[in-house]
């Protein structure tokens, strides 16, 4: 399954985004684009847009949906 298909199946579900620096953010996946820029609905920040180049992993429960394989 490619990343777009995996993310499409998770729209409207709670995911965890893990940043390259190790920080994490949880929220409901609202949208994403071809560059894996994602929009989350979070409890503390409302809608949050995260640039794909800052993302290391996207996790749904314990299933890894996306991992960055190249350094950008």
Foldseek 3Di string as FASTA:
>chain_A
DDLVVLVVVQQQHWKWWAFPVGDIFIFHWHDADPQRFTWGQHPPPGIDTHGSLGTAFIGHPHRTRDGDDDHD
